[in-house]
Amino acid sequence: MSKLYRPEPTGDRLVPVVATGIDVVAIDRIASLRDQYGEPFDQRVFTDAERDYCTRRARPDEHFAARFAAKEAFRKTLPEPSPSVPLHAVGVVRHAHGPTLEVSEDGWSALATVAPTTSPDAVDTAVSLTHDRQTGVAAAHVTLLALETDRPRA
């Protein structure tokens, strides 16, 4: 379920839109799916950059699970009902300042349900990833920050 903050419209100005989602995934569940379905699963779910990053880690399944959780957390930022977003349409990208989401065209069309008057240039994401080998879980928290023109809604 999406937690969405949007002030009431008062005129033609830019207003913030904030949506947040969180998800927890069992690392062994992702490991099992990857073992069972192999490369076709990875290609259907993860971006090329995610696959490249995760497979170079000492424990790739932990990193794949955290990215899977981020995709699900992103979906939870969208109001219900919203268009389906393929998992590979959202990818975690690492930057010097931390991880962020890269969203494909399919993802942007779903985002239009959150902030319909917003262009992709006016949207930013904050992503927090964690995974723990002892508990066997990976978690992600995604916050979407957008600006939209403050016009009365129909």
N, C-alpha and C. Protein backbone atom coordinates (compact mmCIF):
# COMPACT_ATOMS: atom_id res chain seq x y z
N MET A 1 0.84 -1.18 0.00
CA MET A 1 0.00 0.00 0.00
C MET A 1 0.88 1.24 0.00
N SER A 2 0.49 2.20 -0.78
CA SER A 2 1.28 3.42 -0.91
C SER A 2 0.97 4.38 0.22
N LYS A 3 2.01 4.96 0.75
CA LYS A 3 1.87 6.07 1.69
C LYS A 3 2.18 7.31 0.88
N LEU A 4 1.17 8.12 0.61
CA LEU A 4 1.32 9.24 -0.30
C LEU A 4 0.97 10.54 0.39
N TYR A 5 1.86 11.51 0.28
CA TYR A 5 1.59 12.84 0.81
C TYR A 5 1.41 13.78 -0.37
N ARG A 6 0.29 14.48 -0.41
CA ARG A 6 0.04 15.47 -1.44
C ARG A 6 -0.83 16.56 -0.82
N PRO A 7 -0.34 17.81 -0.76
CA PRO A 7 -1.14 18.90 -0.20
C PRO A 7 -2.36 19.18 -1.07
N GLU A 8 -3.36 19.80 -0.47
CA GLU A 8 -4.55 20.19 -1.23
C GLU A 8 -4.19 21.31 -2.21
N PRO A 9 -4.76 21.28 -3.43
CA PRO A 9 -4.45 22.30 -4.42
C PRO A 9 -4.96 23.68 -4.01
N THR A 10 -4.15 24.69 -4.30
CA THR A 10 -4.54 26.06 -3.98
C THR A 10 -4.31 27.02 -5.14
N GLY A 11 -3.76 26.56 -6.24
CA GLY A 11 -3.49 27.43 -7.38
C GLY A 11 -2.40 26.86 -8.24
N ASP A 12 -1.86 27.66 -9.14
CA ASP A 12 -0.81 27.20 -10.05
C ASP A 12 0.57 27.42 -9.44
N ARG A 13 1.04 26.45 -8.68
CA ARG A 13 2.38 26.48 -8.11
C ARG A 13 2.88 25.05 -8.07
N LEU A 14 4.16 24.88 -7.86
CA LEU A 14 4.71 23.54 -7.73
C LEU A 14 4.56 23.07 -6.28
N VAL A 15 4.08 21.86 -6.12
CA VAL A 15 3.91 21.29 -4.78
C VAL A 15 4.63 19.94 -4.73
N PRO A 16 5.08 19.56 -3.55
CA PRO A 16 5.77 18.27 -3.44
C PRO A 16 4.78 17.11 -3.39
N VAL A 17 5.20 16.01 -3.94
CA VAL A 17 4.48 14.74 -3.82
C VAL A 17 5.50 13.75 -3.28
N VAL A 18 5.17 13.11 -2.18
CA VAL A 18 6.08 12.15 -1.56
C VAL A 18 5.33 10.82 -1.40
N ALA A 19 5.92 9.75 -1.91
CA ALA A 19 5.35 8.41 -1.75
C ALA A 19 6.45 7.50 -1.24
N THR A 20 6.10 6.57 -0.37
CA THR A 20 7.11 5.69 0.21
C THR A 20 6.63 4.24 0.20
N GLY A 21 7.56 3.33 0.01
CA GLY A 21 7.26 1.91 0.03
C GLY A 21 8.42 1.16 0.67
N ILE A 22 8.11 0.03 1.29
CA ILE A 22 9.14 -0.79 1.95
C ILE A 22 8.83 -2.25 1.67
N ASP A 23 9.87 -3.07 1.57
CA ASP A 23 9.67 -4.49 1.32
C ASP A 23 10.81 -5.29 1.95
N VAL A 24 10.50 -6.50 2.38
CA VAL A 24 11.47 -7.43 2.95
C VAL A 24 11.38 -8.73 2.17
N VAL A 25 12.52 -9.30 1.82
CA VAL A 25 12.57 -10.53 1.02
C VAL A 25 13.49 -11.53 1.71
N ALA A 26 13.09 -12.80 1.71
CA ALA A 26 13.96 -13.86 2.22
C ALA A 26 15.05 -14.13 1.18
N ILE A 27 16.30 -14.04 1.59
CA ILE A 27 17.42 -14.25 0.67
C ILE A 27 17.35 -15.64 0.06
N ASP A 28 17.01 -16.65 0.87
CA ASP A 28 16.97 -18.02 0.33
C ASP A 28 15.85 -18.20 -0.69
N ARG A 29 14.79 -17.38 -0.62
CA ARG A 29 13.73 -17.44 -1.63
C ARG A 29 14.27 -17.01 -2.99
N ILE A 30 15.02 -15.90 -3.01
CA ILE A 30 15.60 -15.42 -4.26
C ILE A 30 16.65 -16.41 -4.76
N ALA A 31 17.46 -16.95 -3.84
CA ALA A 31 18.47 -17.95 -4.23
C ALA A 31 17.80 -19.16 -4.86
N SER A 32 16.70 -19.60 -4.28
CA SER A 32 15.97 -20.76 -4.79
C SER A 32 15.40 -20.48 -6.19
N LEU A 33 14.81 -19.31 -6.38
CA LEU A 33 14.28 -18.94 -7.69
C LEU A 33 15.39 -18.86 -8.74
N ARG A 34 16.51 -18.30 -8.35
CA ARG A 34 17.64 -18.19 -9.28
C ARG A 34 18.19 -19.58 -9.62
N ASP A 35 18.25 -20.48 -8.63
CA ASP A 35 18.71 -21.84 -8.90
C ASP A 35 17.73 -22.59 -9.79
N GLN A 36 16.45 -22.43 -9.50
CA GLN A 36 15.41 -23.17 -10.23
C GLN A 36 15.28 -22.70 -11.68
N TYR A 37 15.29 -21.38 -11.90
CA TYR A 37 15.01 -20.84 -13.24
C TYR A 37 16.23 -20.29 -13.96
N GLY A 38 17.33 -20.13 -13.26
CA GLY A 38 18.59 -19.74 -13.89
C GLY A 38 18.57 -18.36 -14.54
N GLU A 39 19.34 -18.25 -15.60
CA GLU A 39 19.53 -16.98 -16.30
C GLU A 39 18.22 -16.36 -16.81
N PRO A 40 17.25 -17.15 -17.31
CA PRO A 40 15.99 -16.53 -17.74
C PRO A 40 15.29 -15.74 -16.61
N PHE A 41 15.37 -16.26 -15.39
CA PHE A 41 14.80 -15.52 -14.25
C PHE A 41 15.54 -14.21 -14.05
N ASP A 42 16.87 -14.29 -14.01
CA ASP A 42 17.67 -13.08 -13.80
C ASP A 42 17.39 -12.04 -14.87
N GLN A 43 17.28 -12.45 -16.13
CA GLN A 43 17.03 -11.51 -17.22
C GLN A 43 15.64 -10.90 -17.14
N ARG A 44 14.66 -11.67 -16.68
CA ARG A 44 13.30 -11.17 -16.59
C ARG A 44 13.12 -10.20 -15.42
N VAL A 45 13.91 -10.37 -14.37
CA VAL A 45 13.71 -9.60 -13.15
C VAL A 45 14.71 -8.45 -12.99
N PHE A 46 15.96 -8.66 -13.36
CA PHE A 46 17.01 -7.69 -13.06
C PHE A 46 17.55 -7.03 -14.33
N THR A 47 18.00 -5.80 -14.18
CA THR A 47 18.61 -5.08 -15.30
C THR A 47 20.02 -5.64 -15.55
N ASP A 48 20.57 -5.31 -16.71
CA ASP A 48 21.94 -5.74 -17.02
C ASP A 48 22.92 -5.24 -15.96
N ALA A 49 22.78 -3.98 -15.58
CA ALA A 49 23.70 -3.40 -14.58
C ALA A 49 23.57 -4.10 -13.23
N GLU A 50 22.34 -4.45 -12.84
CA GLU A 50 22.15 -5.16 -11.57
C GLU A 50 22.79 -6.54 -11.62
N ARG A 51 22.58 -7.25 -12.72
CA ARG A 51 23.17 -8.59 -12.84
C ARG A 51 24.69 -8.51 -12.80
N ASP A 52 25.25 -7.54 -13.50
CA ASP A 52 26.70 -7.37 -13.51
C ASP A 52 27.23 -7.09 -12.10
N TYR A 53 26.58 -6.17 -11.40
CA TYR A 53 27.02 -5.80 -10.05
C TYR A 53 26.90 -7.00 -9.09
N CYS A 54 25.74 -7.63 -9.07
CA CYS A 54 25.49 -8.70 -8.09
C CYS A 54 26.38 -9.92 -8.30
N THR A 55 26.60 -10.29 -9.55
CA THR A 55 27.39 -11.49 -9.81
C THR A 55 28.86 -11.31 -9.45
N ARG A 56 29.31 -10.08 -9.31
CA ARG A 56 30.70 -9.81 -8.92
C ARG A 56 30.89 -9.79 -7.40
N ARG A 57 29.82 -9.91 -6.63
CA ARG A 57 29.91 -9.88 -5.16
C ARG A 57 30.23 -11.28 -4.63
N ALA A 58 30.77 -11.33 -3.43
CA ALA A 58 31.10 -12.61 -2.78
C ALA A 58 29.85 -13.44 -2.52
N ARG A 59 28.74 -12.79 -2.16
CA ARG A 59 27.47 -13.47 -1.89
C ARG A 59 26.39 -12.82 -2.76
N PRO A 60 26.33 -13.19 -4.03
CA PRO A 60 25.43 -12.50 -4.96
C PRO A 60 23.96 -12.55 -4.56
N ASP A 61 23.51 -13.66 -3.98
CA ASP A 61 22.08 -13.76 -3.66
C ASP A 61 21.62 -12.69 -2.69
N GLU A 62 22.48 -12.27 -1.77
CA GLU A 62 22.12 -11.20 -0.84
C GLU A 62 21.86 -9.90 -1.60
N HIS A 63 22.68 -9.62 -2.59
CA HIS A 63 22.55 -8.39 -3.36
C HIS A 63 21.35 -8.46 -4.32
N PHE A 64 21.14 -9.64 -4.92
CA PHE A 64 19.96 -9.81 -5.77
C PHE A 64 18.69 -9.64 -4.94
N ALA A 65 18.67 -10.20 -3.73
CA ALA A 65 17.48 -10.09 -2.87
C ALA A 65 17.20 -8.64 -2.49
N ALA A 66 18.24 -7.88 -2.17
CA ALA A 66 18.04 -6.47 -1.82
C ALA A 66 17.46 -5.70 -3.01
N ARG A 67 17.93 -6.00 -4.20
CA ARG A 67 17.41 -5.31 -5.39
C ARG A 67 15.98 -5.74 -5.70
N PHE A 68 15.67 -7.01 -5.47
CA PHE A 68 14.29 -7.47 -5.64
C PHE A 68 13.38 -6.72 -4.67
N ALA A 69 13.82 -6.57 -3.43
CA ALA A 69 13.04 -5.83 -2.43
C ALA A 69 12.84 -4.39 -2.87
N ALA A 70 13.84 -3.77 -3.48
CA ALA A 70 13.71 -2.38 -3.95
C ALA A 70 12.66 -2.27 -5.05
N LYS A 71 12.60 -3.25 -5.93
CA LYS A 71 11.60 -3.25 -7.00
C LYS A 71 10.19 -3.34 -6.41
N GLU A 72 10.03 -4.23 -5.44
CA GLU A 72 8.73 -4.37 -4.78
C GLU A 72 8.39 -3.11 -3.98
N ALA A 73 9.36 -2.52 -3.33
CA ALA A 73 9.12 -1.28 -2.58
C ALA A 73 8.70 -0.16 -3.53
N PHE A 74 9.33 -0.09 -4.71
CA PHE A 74 8.93 0.89 -5.72
C PHE A 74 7.47 0.70 -6.09
N ARG A 75 7.07 -0.55 -6.35
CA ARG A 75 5.68 -0.84 -6.70
C ARG A 75 4.72 -0.35 -5.61
N LYS A 76 5.17 -0.42 -4.38
CA LYS A 76 4.32 0.00 -3.26
C LYS A 76 4.21 1.52 -3.14
N THR A 77 5.04 2.26 -3.86
CA THR A 77 4.89 3.72 -3.87
C THR A 77 3.74 4.14 -4.77
N LEU A 78 3.29 3.24 -5.62
CA LEU A 78 2.22 3.55 -6.57
C LEU A 78 0.86 3.33 -5.92
N PRO A 79 -0.10 4.20 -6.21
CA PRO A 79 -1.44 4.00 -5.64
C PRO A 79 -2.10 2.78 -6.26
N GLU A 80 -3.05 2.23 -5.54
CA GLU A 80 -3.79 1.08 -6.06
C GLU A 80 -5.13 1.55 -6.58
N PRO A 81 -5.63 1.06 -7.69
CA PRO A 81 -4.87 0.22 -8.62
C PRO A 81 -3.96 1.08 -9.48
N SER A 82 -2.87 0.51 -9.91
CA SER A 82 -1.96 1.22 -10.81
C SER A 82 -1.51 0.24 -11.88
N PRO A 83 -0.99 0.76 -12.98
CA PRO A 83 -0.52 -0.15 -14.04
C PRO A 83 0.57 -1.07 -13.52
N SER A 84 0.59 -2.26 -14.05
CA SER A 84 1.63 -3.21 -13.68
C SER A 84 2.98 -2.72 -14.20
N VAL A 85 3.98 -2.83 -13.37
CA VAL A 85 5.33 -2.43 -13.75
C VAL A 85 6.19 -3.68 -13.77
N PRO A 86 6.74 -4.06 -14.93
CA PRO A 86 7.62 -5.22 -14.97
C PRO A 86 8.81 -5.01 -14.03
N LEU A 87 9.23 -6.07 -13.37
CA LEU A 87 10.32 -5.94 -12.41
C LEU A 87 11.60 -5.39 -13.04
N HIS A 88 11.89 -5.79 -14.28
CA HIS A 88 13.12 -5.31 -14.92
C HIS A 88 13.01 -3.85 -15.37
N ALA A 89 11.83 -3.24 -15.23
CA ALA A 89 11.64 -1.82 -15.59
C ALA A 89 12.18 -0.89 -14.52
N VAL A 90 12.54 -1.45 -13.37
CA VAL A 90 13.08 -0.67 -12.26
C VAL A 90 14.39 -1.31 -11.84
N GLY A 91 15.45 -0.52 -11.77
CA GLY A 91 16.74 -1.07 -11.39
C GLY A 91 17.47 -0.19 -10.40
N VAL A 92 18.20 -0.81 -9.51
CA VAL A 92 19.02 -0.07 -8.55
C VAL A 92 20.34 0.28 -9.23
N VAL A 93 20.69 1.55 -9.17
CA VAL A 93 21.95 2.03 -9.74
C VAL A 93 22.77 2.63 -8.61
N ARG A 94 24.03 2.27 -8.56
CA ARG A 94 24.92 2.79 -7.51
C ARG A 94 25.64 4.04 -8.02
N HIS A 95 25.62 5.07 -7.20
CA HIS A 95 26.35 6.31 -7.47
C HIS A 95 27.24 6.60 -6.27
N ALA A 96 28.11 7.57 -6.42
CA ALA A 96 29.01 7.95 -5.32
C ALA A 96 28.23 8.39 -4.09
N HIS A 97 27.06 9.01 -4.30
CA HIS A 97 26.25 9.49 -3.18
C HIS A 97 25.28 8.43 -2.65
N GLY A 98 25.29 7.23 -3.24
CA GLY A 98 24.42 6.16 -2.76
C GLY A 98 23.54 5.61 -3.87
N PRO A 99 22.75 4.59 -3.55
CA PRO A 99 21.92 3.97 -4.58
C PRO A 99 20.71 4.84 -4.92
N THR A 100 20.26 4.69 -6.15
CA THR A 100 19.04 5.34 -6.60
C THR A 100 18.35 4.37 -7.56
N LEU A 101 17.17 4.72 -8.01
CA LEU A 101 16.45 3.87 -8.95
C LEU A 101 16.55 4.43 -10.36
N GLU A 102 16.72 3.54 -11.30
CA GLU A 102 16.62 3.87 -12.71
C GLU A 102 15.30 3.24 -13.17
N VAL A 103 14.44 4.06 -13.76
CA VAL A 103 13.10 3.60 -14.11
C VAL A 103 12.92 3.72 -15.62
N SER A 104 12.46 2.63 -16.25
CA SER A 104 12.25 2.63 -17.70
C SER A 104 10.94 3.33 -18.04
N GLU A 105 10.64 3.39 -19.31
CA GLU A 105 9.41 4.05 -19.78
C GLU A 105 8.16 3.42 -19.16
N ASP A 106 8.14 2.09 -19.03
CA ASP A 106 6.99 1.42 -18.39
C ASP A 106 6.80 1.91 -16.96
N GLY A 107 7.90 2.06 -16.26
CA GLY A 107 7.83 2.56 -14.89
C GLY A 107 7.36 3.99 -14.82
N TRP A 108 7.81 4.83 -15.76
CA TRP A 108 7.40 6.24 -15.76
C TRP A 108 5.91 6.38 -16.03
N SER A 109 5.36 5.52 -16.89
CA SER A 109 3.91 5.63 -17.14
C SER A 109 3.13 5.28 -15.88
N ALA A 110 3.63 4.33 -15.09
CA ALA A 110 2.98 4.01 -13.82
C ALA A 110 3.14 5.16 -12.83
N LEU A 111 4.29 5.83 -12.87
CA LEU A 111 4.51 6.96 -11.97
C LEU A 111 3.54 8.10 -12.24
N ALA A 112 3.05 8.19 -13.46
CA ALA A 112 2.10 9.25 -13.79
C ALA A 112 0.84 9.14 -12.94
N THR A 113 0.57 7.96 -12.38
CA THR A 113 -0.58 7.81 -11.49
C THR A 113 -0.33 8.46 -10.14
N VAL A 114 0.94 8.64 -9.78
CA VAL A 114 1.30 9.29 -8.52
C VAL A 114 1.30 10.80 -8.69
N ALA A 115 1.94 11.27 -9.73
CA ALA A 115 2.07 12.71 -9.98
C ALA A 115 1.79 12.96 -11.46
N PRO A 116 0.52 13.05 -11.84
CA PRO A 116 0.15 13.08 -13.26
C PRO A 116 0.68 14.28 -14.03
N THR A 117 0.99 15.38 -13.40
CA THR A 117 1.47 16.54 -14.14
C THR A 117 2.98 16.68 -14.07
N THR A 118 3.63 15.64 -13.62
CA THR A 118 5.08 15.70 -13.41
C THR A 118 5.81 15.07 -14.58
N SER A 119 6.89 15.70 -15.00
CA SER A 119 7.77 15.08 -15.99
C SER A 119 8.79 14.24 -15.23
N PRO A 120 9.38 13.24 -15.90
CA PRO A 120 10.40 12.43 -15.22
C PRO A 120 11.54 13.26 -14.64
N ASP A 121 11.82 14.42 -15.22
CA ASP A 121 12.90 15.27 -14.71
C ASP A 121 12.58 15.84 -13.33
N ALA A 122 11.32 15.85 -12.94
CA ALA A 122 10.92 16.43 -11.66
C ALA A 122 10.71 15.38 -10.58
N VAL A 123 11.20 14.16 -10.83
CA VAL A 123 11.03 13.06 -9.88
C VAL A 123 12.41 12.56 -9.46
N ASP A 124 12.56 12.30 -8.18
CA ASP A 124 13.80 11.72 -7.68
C ASP A 124 13.43 10.57 -6.74
N THR A 125 14.36 9.68 -6.53
CA THR A 125 14.12 8.56 -5.63
C THR A 125 15.23 8.49 -4.60
N ALA A 126 14.88 8.02 -3.44
CA ALA A 126 15.85 7.72 -2.40
C ALA A 126 15.67 6.24 -2.08
N VAL A 127 16.77 5.51 -2.06
CA VAL A 127 16.71 4.07 -1.85
C VAL A 127 17.64 3.69 -0.70
N SER A 128 17.13 2.87 0.20
CA SER A 128 17.96 2.32 1.26
C SER A 128 17.86 0.80 1.16
N LEU A 129 19.01 0.14 1.05
CA LEU A 129 19.07 -1.32 0.92
C LEU A 129 19.81 -1.90 2.12
N THR A 130 19.38 -3.07 2.55
CA THR A 130 20.12 -3.79 3.59
C THR A 130 19.91 -5.28 3.39
N HIS A 131 20.87 -6.06 3.81
CA HIS A 131 20.72 -7.52 3.81
C HIS A 131 21.57 -8.07 4.94
N ASP A 132 21.08 -9.17 5.51
CA ASP A 132 21.75 -9.76 6.66
C ASP A 132 21.80 -11.27 6.49
N ARG A 133 22.97 -11.81 6.44
CA ARG A 133 23.15 -13.25 6.22
C ARG A 133 22.60 -14.07 7.37
N GLN A 134 22.75 -13.60 8.61
CA GLN A 134 22.30 -14.38 9.76
C GLN A 134 20.79 -14.51 9.82
N THR A 135 20.07 -13.42 9.55
CA THR A 135 18.61 -13.50 9.58
C THR A 135 18.06 -13.98 8.25
N GLY A 136 18.87 -13.91 7.20
CA GLY A 136 18.45 -14.40 5.90
C GLY A 136 17.46 -13.50 5.19
N VAL A 137 17.48 -12.20 5.50
CA VAL A 137 16.54 -11.29 4.85
C VAL A 137 17.28 -10.13 4.19
N ALA A 138 16.61 -9.58 3.20
CA ALA A 138 17.05 -8.34 2.56
C ALA A 138 15.86 -7.40 2.58
N ALA A 139 16.12 -6.12 2.75
CA ALA A 139 15.04 -5.14 2.81
C ALA A 139 15.41 -3.91 2.01
N ALA A 140 14.38 -3.21 1.57
CA ALA A 140 14.59 -1.96 0.84
C ALA A 140 13.49 -0.98 1.21
N HIS A 141 13.87 0.28 1.27
CA HIS A 141 12.92 1.36 1.50
C HIS A 141 13.11 2.34 0.35
N VAL A 142 12.03 2.68 -0.33
CA VAL A 142 12.07 3.59 -1.48
C VAL A 142 11.18 4.79 -1.18
N THR A 143 11.71 5.97 -1.37
CA THR A 143 10.92 7.19 -1.26
C THR A 143 10.97 7.90 -2.60
N LEU A 144 9.81 8.23 -3.11
CA LEU A 144 9.68 8.97 -4.36
C LEU A 144 9.41 10.42 -4.03
N LEU A 145 10.16 11.31 -4.61
CA LEU A 145 9.97 12.74 -4.40
C LEU A 145 9.66 13.35 -5.76
N ALA A 146 8.55 14.06 -5.86
CA ALA A 146 8.16 14.65 -7.14
C ALA A 146 7.61 16.04 -6.92
N LEU A 147 7.64 16.81 -7.97
CA LEU A 147 6.98 18.11 -7.99
C LEU A 147 5.91 18.06 -9.06
N GLU A 148 4.74 18.55 -8.74
CA GLU A 148 3.71 18.64 -9.76
C GLU A 148 3.06 20.01 -9.68
N THR A 149 2.47 20.41 -10.79
CA THR A 149 1.77 21.68 -10.83
C THR A 149 0.52 21.57 -9.99
N ASP A 150 0.33 22.52 -9.12
CA ASP A 150 -0.79 22.53 -8.18
C ASP A 150 -2.04 23.05 -8.89
N ARG A 151 -2.80 22.12 -9.44
CA ARG A 151 -4.05 22.48 -10.10
C ARG A 151 -5.17 21.70 -9.43
N PRO A 152 -6.34 22.29 -9.32
CA PRO A 152 -7.44 21.55 -8.70
C PRO A 152 -7.69 20.23 -9.41
N ARG A 153 -7.91 19.18 -8.63
CA ARG A 153 -8.16 17.85 -9.18
C ARG A 153 -9.64 17.68 -9.47
N ALA A 154 -9.91 16.94 -10.51
CA ALA A 154 -11.32 16.68 -10.88
C ALA A 154 -11.92 15.66 -9.96
